[in-house]
Amino acid sequence: MNADDIALPARQMESIKLDNLLINFTTEFQRIWDSRGSGSKPGSFWRPTPAPDLLPGYFPLGDVVAPGFENINQNSIVAVVCEGDPQLQDASKGKALSRPDDFEQVWRDSGSGARSDLTIWRPIPPHGYVALGVVCSNGRDKPLLNTVRCVRSDLAIASSISHMIWSDEGSAAKEKFSAWAIQPPTAAAGEIYFSSGNFIATPSYKRPATNVVAYSLRMQIPLRADPPLVPPALSGYELPQSEETAKSTQIARLPWFTILDPGLSPLEQLRTSAFYRLERVDQYVRIGHGHNKSTVGQNFKWTTSRAQSVETLEAFSDITSIKIRTDWPFNVTNLQTLSWLLSSSVRFSARLSKDFTHTEPSSTSWSAPAAMEVITIVPKHKFAVVYQIQSDYRLLREDGTQVATDISYTDTDSLYLTEYPSENDCEVIDTSLPLADSSAPIDTVP
């Protein structure tokens, strides 16, 4: 779909909140300079200009460079920031944003042959703040201090240098220049680190030294959870009429730029589904039951299948980019995902919390054997049912439509046995196949 054919949203996306920092995104830019006439490869520099009616009080973190001369309006997406409500954070931390104290010159295109002059400036942040980008001026004068904002250092994360975006190689400029993308580090569990879409500037064609300071933004993955499940109970010597048990839902909200949506372009995602819901629905699933009518305790054994599979996980990741067991994007081999990542101006690393993904203390349970045997000792004159928790995950857009198919996980650490009459607890033993033959009564799940 052509970006020009997409109607503007009736409302701006909800801002990402981190303490008193508000983060949003703009697709509107002002052209500052391009390399026409210089002899270099085509390149253009732009300033994010968040619309005052949609994003009042928002500022860019730096300017943007793009290969080519094409208009990037409504085609590129970068982060912009705003000071949030100071009452929502510890006042001792100070404001989330600050103007730079000054600018230092990085490069000027003297002698380039371009049709107009360009000077690149690095913001000098106040103490306790960091700069996430650089600023361009169409001339030799320093930019106004109000042009960009610096971010409080605890709201950003130190990052590395990614690929070169553009250089002036081939021009007649007296000094060399190249612009580089910013790569966030690997995210901690429950967090997302993401670049703002700005760049690092260096007066050289070589990759900047490792001591060059680069920063990305950070956020916590919002998580909402229902109260924990209440285990099922028996009221007699028969199975409950319905196999349905109570459900408990947890929802992780993921911003659009972390999701590969086969049905929407990134611009459509921003405008129609700025946040996705990764829902996890937990429910007790019956493994087996047994009635011990004898006068001594008896062993009962059942075989049950596990819901998770590596193949299902990989298929889900190929469609959505989301990794359940690790951070993402990680070890990307899917060509569609690679193309999406390379074309995005917002680079990121994300990782779901270990509790949400059943990866505490490790992720190996997602690739454990497909079948399991469960043995329990049922006391005399008792009726017993064994359950385990199954978690079903699904990814939903803001309008409730689903992306990709469900994935499921059965938690072997959640085995629960209920008995009638419920005077004593029963002992439950589980083990992976194969098991030695047992002469005890056996009841197999249908």
Protein backbone atom coordinates (compact mmCIF):
# COMPACT_ATOMS: atom_id res chain seq x y z
CA MET A 1 0.00 0.00 0.00
CA ASN A 2 1.27 3.50 -0.88
CA ALA A 3 1.95 5.65 2.16
CA ASP A 4 0.14 8.57 0.52
CA ASP A 5 -3.05 6.51 0.43
CA ILE A 6 -3.14 5.99 4.20
CA ALA A 7 -5.38 8.42 6.05
CA LEU A 8 -3.98 10.14 9.11
CA PRO A 9 -5.15 8.62 12.40
CA ALA A 10 -8.03 10.17 14.27
CA ARG A 11 -5.82 10.15 17.35
CA GLN A 12 -2.11 9.97 18.00
CA MET A 13 -0.73 6.77 19.44
CA GLU A 14 -0.53 6.52 23.21
CA SER A 15 2.90 7.65 24.36
CA ILE A 16 5.42 5.25 25.85
CA LYS A 17 6.01 6.30 29.47
CA LEU A 18 9.21 5.83 31.43
CA ASP A 19 9.20 7.78 34.70
CA ASN A 20 8.45 11.35 33.57
CA LEU A 21 9.64 10.78 29.99
CA LEU A 22 7.07 10.50 27.20
CA ILE A 23 8.13 8.89 23.91
CA ASN A 24 6.16 8.98 20.68
CA PHE A 25 6.86 8.86 16.94
CA THR A 26 6.59 11.23 14.01
CA THR A 27 6.57 10.75 10.24
CA GLU A 28 6.91 14.47 9.46
CA PHE A 29 10.24 16.07 8.53
CA GLN A 30 11.78 19.25 7.17
CA ARG A 31 14.54 18.90 4.57
CA ILE A 32 17.76 20.58 5.78
CA TRP A 33 20.27 19.72 3.04
CA ASP A 34 21.07 17.26 0.28
CA SER A 35 24.24 16.34 -1.55
CA ARG A 36 23.23 17.45 -5.05
CA GLY A 37 26.22 18.86 -6.88
CA SER A 38 28.81 17.45 -4.47
CA GLY A 39 29.84 14.36 -6.42
CA SER A 40 29.06 12.02 -3.52
CA LYS A 41 26.36 9.38 -3.48
CA PRO A 42 22.87 10.86 -3.04
CA GLY A 43 22.09 11.70 0.58
CA SER A 44 19.76 14.06 2.41
CA PHE A 45 19.43 15.41 5.95
CA TRP A 46 16.10 16.03 7.65
CA ARG A 47 14.75 17.43 10.92
CA PRO A 48 11.83 15.67 12.64
CA THR A 49 8.95 18.14 13.02
CA PRO A 50 6.25 16.58 15.23
CA ALA A 51 2.88 18.11 14.40
CA PRO A 52 1.91 20.54 17.19
CA ASP A 53 -1.75 19.51 17.03
CA LEU A 54 -0.96 15.79 17.42
CA LEU A 55 2.23 15.95 19.50
CA PRO A 56 2.24 19.23 21.42
CA GLY A 57 5.40 19.78 23.44
CA TYR A 58 7.40 17.07 21.66
CA PHE A 59 10.99 17.60 20.52
CA PRO A 60 13.40 15.67 18.29
CA LEU A 61 16.48 14.03 19.77
CA GLY A 62 18.52 14.83 16.67
CA ASP A 63 18.31 15.06 12.91
CA VAL A 64 17.98 12.23 10.38
CA VAL A 65 20.09 11.23 7.39
CA ALA A 66 18.73 9.16 4.51
CA PRO A 67 20.40 7.74 1.40
CA GLY A 68 18.91 9.28 -1.75
CA PHE A 69 17.03 12.47 -2.49
CA GLU A 70 13.50 11.10 -2.07
CA ASN A 71 11.01 12.77 0.26
CA ILE A 72 10.99 10.78 3.51
CA ASN A 73 7.80 12.38 4.84
CA GLN A 74 5.22 9.70 5.67
CA ASN A 75 7.82 7.05 4.83
CA SER A 76 10.31 7.23 7.71
CA ILE A 77 9.50 7.00 11.42
CA VAL A 78 11.61 8.38 14.28
CA ALA A 79 11.11 8.86 18.00
CA VAL A 80 10.35 12.24 19.57
CA VAL A 81 10.15 13.07 23.28
CA CYS A 82 8.22 15.22 25.73
CA GLU A 83 8.48 16.09 29.42
CA GLY A 84 5.89 14.11 31.35
CA ASP A 85 4.02 14.76 34.58
CA PRO A 86 6.62 15.43 37.31
CA GLN A 87 4.23 14.09 39.94
CA LEU A 88 4.59 10.60 38.49
CA GLN A 89 8.27 10.23 39.41
CA ASP A 90 10.80 10.85 42.14
CA ALA A 91 11.33 14.62 42.17
CA SER A 92 14.95 14.15 43.24
CA LYS A 93 15.78 12.68 39.82
CA GLY A 94 15.04 15.94 38.06
CA LYS A 95 13.41 16.57 34.70
CA ALA A 96 13.49 13.89 32.05
CA LEU A 97 14.67 16.29 29.36
CA SER A 98 17.02 19.24 29.06
CA ARG A 99 18.27 21.57 26.36
CA PRO A 100 21.95 21.06 25.47
CA ASP A 101 24.42 23.45 27.07
CA ASP A 102 26.12 24.06 23.73
CA PHE A 103 27.07 22.47 20.41
CA GLU A 104 30.45 21.38 19.09
CA GLN A 105 31.18 21.16 15.38
CA VAL A 106 31.73 17.68 13.92
CA TRP A 107 31.98 18.46 10.18
CA ARG A 108 31.41 21.12 7.56
CA ASP A 109 31.09 20.51 3.84
CA SER A 110 33.58 23.22 2.83
CA GLY A 111 34.65 22.63 -0.78
CA SER A 112 32.12 19.83 -1.36
CA GLY A 113 30.56 21.54 -4.37
CA ALA A 114 27.04 21.03 -3.00
CA ARG A 115 24.43 23.64 -3.82
CA SER A 116 24.24 24.80 -0.20
CA ASP A 117 26.33 24.62 2.95
CA LEU A 118 25.99 21.98 5.67
CA THR A 119 27.48 21.88 9.15
CA ILE A 120 27.05 18.95 11.56
CA TRP A 121 26.92 19.67 15.29
CA ARG A 122 27.07 17.43 18.35
CA PRO A 123 24.96 18.57 21.34
CA ILE A 124 26.87 19.00 24.61
CA PRO A 125 24.48 17.71 27.31
CA PRO A 126 24.25 19.10 30.85
CA HIS A 127 25.62 16.99 33.71
CA GLY A 128 23.38 13.96 34.27
CA TYR A 129 22.01 13.98 30.71
CA VAL A 130 23.06 12.38 27.41
CA ALA A 131 22.64 13.32 23.74
CA LEU A 132 21.10 10.71 21.43
CA GLY A 133 21.78 12.35 18.07
CA VAL A 134 23.41 15.20 16.16
CA VAL A 135 22.02 18.38 14.62
CA CYS A 136 22.49 19.81 11.12
CA SER A 137 22.50 23.45 10.05
CA ASN A 138 22.07 24.76 6.52
CA GLY A 139 24.96 27.16 6.90
CA ARG A 140 27.72 27.78 9.42
CA ASP A 141 25.79 29.13 12.41
CA LYS A 142 25.23 27.01 15.51
CA PRO A 143 21.72 25.63 15.91
CA LEU A 144 19.44 27.16 18.53
CA LEU A 145 19.68 25.41 21.90
CA ASN A 146 15.93 24.75 21.75
CA THR A 147 16.30 22.65 18.59
CA VAL A 148 16.68 19.30 20.36
CA ARG A 149 16.49 17.73 23.78
CA CYS A 150 18.95 15.66 25.82
CA VAL A 151 17.66 12.79 27.97
CA ARG A 152 18.35 12.10 31.65
CA SER A 153 21.05 9.45 31.70
CA ASP A 154 19.07 6.83 33.67
CA LEU A 155 16.38 6.90 30.96
CA ALA A 156 18.84 5.90 28.21
CA ILE A 157 21.13 2.94 27.63
CA ALA A 158 24.69 2.95 26.29
CA SER A 159 24.77 1.49 22.77
CA SER A 160 27.13 0.59 19.95
CA ILE A 161 27.64 1.61 16.34
CA SER A 162 25.79 -0.32 13.64
CA HIS A 163 26.11 0.14 9.86
CA MET A 164 27.10 3.19 7.80
CA ILE A 165 24.09 5.11 6.48
CA TRP A 166 25.84 7.66 4.24
CA SER A 167 29.22 9.27 3.58
CA ASP A 168 30.41 12.19 1.49
CA GLU A 169 32.98 10.01 -0.29
CA GLY A 170 33.35 11.27 -3.85
CA SER A 171 32.77 14.90 -2.94
CA ALA A 172 35.48 17.54 -2.97
CA ALA A 173 34.99 18.46 0.69
CA LYS A 174 38.15 19.28 2.61
CA GLU A 175 37.17 16.90 5.42
CA LYS A 176 35.77 13.39 5.31
CA PHE A 177 32.38 12.57 6.82
CA SER A 178 30.22 9.52 7.48
CA ALA A 179 26.95 8.90 9.33
CA TRP A 180 26.29 5.67 11.25
CA ALA A 181 23.22 3.97 12.70
CA ILE A 182 22.98 3.18 16.42
CA GLN A 183 22.61 -0.40 17.69
CA PRO A 184 21.03 -0.97 21.14
CA PRO A 185 22.55 -3.64 23.41
CA THR A 186 20.85 -6.93 24.21
CA ALA A 187 17.77 -6.20 26.30
CA ALA A 188 17.37 -7.41 29.86
CA ALA A 189 14.33 -9.56 30.65
CA GLY A 190 11.15 -7.48 30.66
CA GLU A 191 12.70 -4.54 28.80
CA ILE A 192 13.03 -3.03 25.32
CA TYR A 193 16.00 -0.95 24.17
CA PHE A 194 15.50 0.99 20.94
CA SER A 195 17.28 3.60 18.87
CA SER A 196 15.52 6.87 18.20
CA GLY A 197 16.20 6.76 14.45
CA ASN A 198 18.99 9.36 14.67
CA PHE A 199 22.66 8.83 13.81
CA ILE A 200 26.25 9.16 14.95
CA ALA A 201 28.53 11.48 12.94
CA THR A 202 32.29 11.15 12.49
CA PRO A 203 34.87 13.10 10.38
CA SER A 204 36.14 9.88 8.77
CA TYR A 205 35.02 7.03 6.52
CA LYS A 206 36.04 4.45 9.11
CA ARG A 207 33.75 2.95 11.71
CA PRO A 208 33.80 5.19 14.79
CA ALA A 209 36.06 4.07 17.62
CA THR A 210 34.54 2.04 20.43
CA ASN A 211 34.89 4.99 22.78
CA VAL A 212 32.45 7.06 20.71
CA VAL A 213 29.41 7.60 22.91
CA ALA A 214 26.07 6.35 21.55
CA TYR A 215 22.78 5.93 23.37
CA SER A 216 19.36 4.39 22.84
CA LEU A 217 16.04 4.78 24.60
CA ARG A 218 14.69 2.15 26.97
CA MET A 219 11.32 1.04 28.31
CA GLN A 220 9.75 -1.60 30.52
CA ILE A 221 7.35 -4.01 28.81
CA PRO A 222 3.97 -3.23 30.41
CA LEU A 223 2.44 -6.37 31.91
CA ARG A 224 -1.06 -6.79 33.32
CA ALA A 225 -2.01 -9.98 35.14
CA ASP A 226 -5.21 -11.44 36.59
CA PRO A 227 -5.10 -13.03 40.05
CA PRO A 228 -3.46 -16.50 40.07
CA LEU A 229 -5.53 -19.54 39.18
CA VAL A 230 -7.62 -21.20 41.88
CA PRO A 231 -7.03 -24.98 41.71
CA PRO A 232 -10.06 -27.14 40.82
CA ALA A 233 -11.92 -28.97 43.60
CA LEU A 234 -14.02 -32.16 43.63
CA SER A 235 -17.49 -32.43 45.10
CA GLY A 236 -18.00 -36.18 44.75
CA TYR A 237 -16.72 -39.47 43.36
CA GLU A 238 -17.28 -38.36 39.76
CA LEU A 239 -15.53 -36.09 37.29
CA PRO A 240 -16.90 -32.55 36.95
CA GLN A 241 -19.50 -32.40 34.18
CA SER A 242 -17.38 -29.89 32.25
CA GLU A 243 -13.66 -30.12 31.54
CA GLU A 244 -13.50 -26.31 31.51
CA THR A 245 -11.75 -24.77 34.51
CA ALA A 246 -11.16 -21.18 35.54
CA LYS A 247 -8.78 -19.08 33.43
CA SER A 248 -6.22 -16.43 34.30
CA THR A 249 -4.91 -13.96 31.72
CA GLN A 250 -1.63 -12.05 31.52
CA ILE A 251 -1.08 -9.41 28.83
CA ALA A 252 2.25 -8.00 27.64
CA ARG A 253 1.89 -4.79 25.58
CA LEU A 254 4.47 -4.57 22.81
CA PRO A 255 5.05 -1.44 20.70
CA TRP A 256 4.60 -1.65 16.95
CA PHE A 257 8.30 -1.52 16.05
CA THR A 258 9.00 -4.83 17.84
CA ILE A 259 6.44 -6.76 15.77
CA LEU A 260 6.68 -8.02 12.21
CA ASP A 261 3.06 -7.95 11.05
CA PRO A 262 2.47 -9.71 7.71
CA GLY A 263 -0.79 -7.80 7.30
CA LEU A 264 0.48 -4.26 7.93
CA SER A 265 3.40 -2.06 6.88
CA PRO A 266 5.32 -0.28 9.68
CA LEU A 267 3.49 2.97 8.88
CA GLU A 268 0.13 1.19 9.03
CA GLN A 269 1.16 -0.42 12.32
CA LEU A 270 1.97 2.96 13.85
CA ARG A 271 -1.35 4.40 12.73
CA THR A 272 -3.70 1.50 13.37
CA SER A 273 -2.01 -0.81 15.90
CA ALA A 274 0.63 1.14 17.80
CA PHE A 275 0.58 -1.47 20.57
CA TYR A 276 0.05 -5.22 20.27
CA ARG A 277 -1.24 -7.53 23.01
CA LEU A 278 0.62 -10.75 23.60
CA GLU A 279 -1.91 -12.63 25.71
CA ARG A 280 -1.13 -15.63 27.88
CA VAL A 281 -4.19 -17.51 29.13
CA ASP A 282 -3.56 -20.08 31.88
CA GLN A 283 -5.94 -22.93 32.64
CA TYR A 284 -5.79 -26.20 34.57
CA VAL A 285 -5.98 -29.11 32.11
CA ARG A 286 -6.93 -32.59 33.31
CA ILE A 287 -4.26 -35.27 32.89
CA GLY A 288 -6.10 -38.24 34.36
CA HIS A 289 -8.25 -39.54 37.18
CA GLY A 290 -8.55 -42.64 39.32
CA HIS A 291 -10.87 -44.15 41.94
CA ASN A 292 -9.20 -46.32 44.58
CA LYS A 293 -11.97 -48.50 45.98
CA SER A 294 -9.58 -50.76 47.88
CA THR A 295 -8.53 -50.61 51.52
CA VAL A 296 -4.87 -49.72 50.77
CA GLY A 297 -3.16 -46.96 48.81
CA GLN A 298 -2.59 -47.65 45.12
CA ASN A 299 -0.40 -46.21 42.37
CA PHE A 300 -2.09 -44.69 39.34
CA LYS A 301 -0.18 -43.77 36.20
CA TRP A 302 -1.11 -41.63 33.19
CA THR A 303 0.66 -40.59 30.01
CA THR A 304 0.19 -37.04 28.78
CA SER A 305 1.50 -35.06 25.82
CA ARG A 306 3.18 -31.68 26.08
CA ALA A 307 1.65 -28.77 24.19
CA GLN A 308 4.88 -26.99 23.23
CA SER A 309 7.10 -27.75 20.25
CA VAL A 310 10.20 -26.17 18.77
CA GLU A 311 8.59 -26.20 15.31
CA THR A 312 5.58 -24.18 16.50
CA LEU A 313 7.83 -21.69 18.26
CA GLU A 314 9.95 -21.19 15.15
CA ALA A 315 6.89 -20.71 12.95
CA PHE A 316 5.49 -18.10 15.36
CA SER A 317 8.83 -16.27 15.39
CA ASP A 318 9.14 -16.33 11.59
CA ILE A 319 5.76 -14.63 11.26
CA THR A 320 5.96 -12.10 14.11
CA SER A 321 9.73 -11.82 14.88
CA ILE A 322 8.96 -12.46 18.59
CA LYS A 323 11.23 -14.88 20.43
CA ILE A 324 9.75 -16.54 23.50
CA ARG A 325 12.92 -18.09 24.89
CA THR A 326 15.46 -15.32 24.16
CA ASP A 327 15.77 -11.69 23.20
CA TRP A 328 14.78 -10.68 19.69
CA PRO A 329 15.75 -10.06 16.97
CA PHE A 330 18.31 -12.84 17.44
CA ASN A 331 19.91 -15.23 14.93
CA VAL A 332 17.47 -14.07 12.24
CA THR A 333 17.46 -16.36 9.19
CA ASN A 334 13.99 -15.64 7.80
CA LEU A 335 14.44 -13.43 4.71
CA GLN A 336 11.25 -11.44 5.30
CA THR A 337 12.32 -10.65 8.87
CA LEU A 338 15.81 -9.65 7.70
CA SER A 339 14.39 -7.29 5.08
CA TRP A 340 12.06 -5.73 7.66
CA LEU A 341 14.89 -5.20 10.15
CA LEU A 342 17.25 -3.67 7.59
CA SER A 343 14.62 -1.22 6.33
CA SER A 344 13.58 0.00 9.79
CA SER A 345 14.91 3.31 11.11
CA VAL A 346 14.18 2.16 14.69
CA ARG A 347 16.57 -0.60 15.73
CA PHE A 348 15.69 -2.53 18.89
CA SER A 349 16.33 -5.40 21.25
CA ALA A 350 13.44 -6.81 23.31
CA ARG A 351 12.98 -9.63 25.80
CA LEU A 352 9.86 -10.78 27.58
CA SER A 353 10.01 -11.43 31.32
CA LYS A 354 11.08 -14.93 32.32
CA ASP A 355 7.98 -15.49 34.43
CA PHE A 356 5.70 -14.58 31.51
CA THR A 357 7.49 -16.97 29.15
CA HIS A 358 8.09 -19.92 31.54
CA THR A 359 11.86 -19.51 31.12
CA GLU A 360 12.71 -19.21 34.81
CA PRO A 361 15.18 -20.71 35.67
CA SER A 362 15.91 -21.85 32.08
CA SER A 363 14.30 -22.04 28.65
CA THR A 364 14.98 -25.76 28.10
CA SER A 365 11.47 -26.76 29.16
CA TRP A 366 10.20 -25.45 25.81
CA SER A 367 12.19 -28.20 24.08
CA ALA A 368 11.68 -30.97 26.66
CA PRO A 369 10.43 -34.45 25.62
CA ALA A 370 7.01 -34.44 23.99
CA ALA A 371 5.48 -37.00 26.37
CA MET A 372 5.48 -37.41 30.12
CA GLU A 373 4.26 -40.02 32.58
CA VAL A 374 2.64 -39.03 35.84
CA ILE A 375 2.38 -41.37 38.83
CA THR A 376 0.37 -40.66 41.95
CA ILE A 377 -0.42 -42.63 45.09
CA VAL A 378 -4.15 -42.45 45.75
CA PRO A 379 -5.13 -43.30 49.35
CA LYS A 380 -7.79 -45.92 50.09
CA HIS A 381 -11.40 -45.08 49.27
CA LYS A 382 -10.37 -41.93 47.42
CA PHE A 383 -11.23 -40.46 44.04
CA ALA A 384 -8.41 -38.31 42.59
CA VAL A 385 -7.87 -36.10 39.54
CA VAL A 386 -4.49 -34.76 38.36
CA TYR A 387 -4.23 -31.41 36.57
CA GLN A 388 -1.45 -29.31 35.12
CA ILE A 389 -1.43 -25.69 33.96
CA GLN A 390 -1.47 -25.05 30.22
CA SER A 391 -0.60 -21.58 28.92
CA ASP A 392 -1.94 -20.52 25.51
CA TYR A 393 -0.29 -17.50 23.86
CA ARG A 394 -1.74 -15.39 21.07
CA LEU A 395 -0.76 -12.06 19.52
CA LEU A 396 -3.51 -9.51 18.88
CA ARG A 397 -3.63 -6.16 17.13
CA GLU A 398 -5.39 -3.20 18.73
CA ASP A 399 -8.60 -4.08 16.86
CA GLY A 400 -8.56 -7.61 18.30
CA THR A 401 -7.56 -9.41 15.10
CA GLN A 402 -4.96 -12.12 15.54
CA VAL A 403 -1.43 -12.25 14.12
CA ALA A 404 -0.08 -15.78 13.52
CA THR A 405 -1.40 -18.91 15.24
CA ASP A 406 -1.52 -19.74 18.95
CA ILE A 407 1.39 -21.33 20.74
CA SER A 408 0.90 -23.40 23.89
CA TYR A 409 2.98 -24.54 26.84
CA THR A 410 2.27 -27.14 29.51
CA ASP A 411 3.99 -26.54 32.83
CA THR A 412 5.20 -29.78 34.41
CA ASP A 413 6.09 -27.89 37.58
CA SER A 414 2.42 -27.04 38.08
CA LEU A 415 1.05 -30.55 38.63
CA TYR A 416 -1.90 -30.43 41.01
CA LEU A 417 -3.89 -33.30 42.47
CA THR A 418 -7.32 -32.91 43.98
CA GLU A 419 -9.07 -35.74 45.81
CA TYR A 420 -12.43 -36.61 47.30
CA PRO A 421 -12.89 -36.77 50.22
CA SER A 422 -10.13 -34.16 50.66
CA GLU A 423 -8.74 -35.18 54.05
CA ASN A 424 -5.15 -35.88 53.00
CA ASP A 425 -2.93 -34.65 50.21
CA CYS A 426 -1.84 -37.19 47.63
CA GLU A 427 1.76 -37.61 46.49
CA VAL A 428 2.36 -36.87 42.81
CA ILE A 429 5.47 -38.05 40.98
CA ASP A 430 6.23 -37.08 37.39
CA THR A 431 8.99 -38.25 35.10
CA SER A 432 9.81 -38.18 31.40
CA LEU A 433 9.35 -41.29 29.27
CA PRO A 434 10.37 -44.06 29.27
CA LEU A 435 9.47 -45.58 32.63
CA ALA A 436 9.87 -49.10 33.94
CA ASP A 437 6.77 -51.29 33.75
CA SER A 438 4.48 -51.04 36.75
CA SER A 439 1.97 -53.56 38.01
CA ALA A 440 -0.13 -50.80 39.54
CA PRO A 441 -3.50 -49.90 38.04
CA ILE A 442 -3.05 -47.67 34.99
CA ASP A 443 -5.45 -45.10 33.59
CA THR A 444 -4.43 -43.40 30.33
CA VAL A 445 -5.71 -40.04 29.15
CA PRO A 446 -8.02 -40.46 26.19
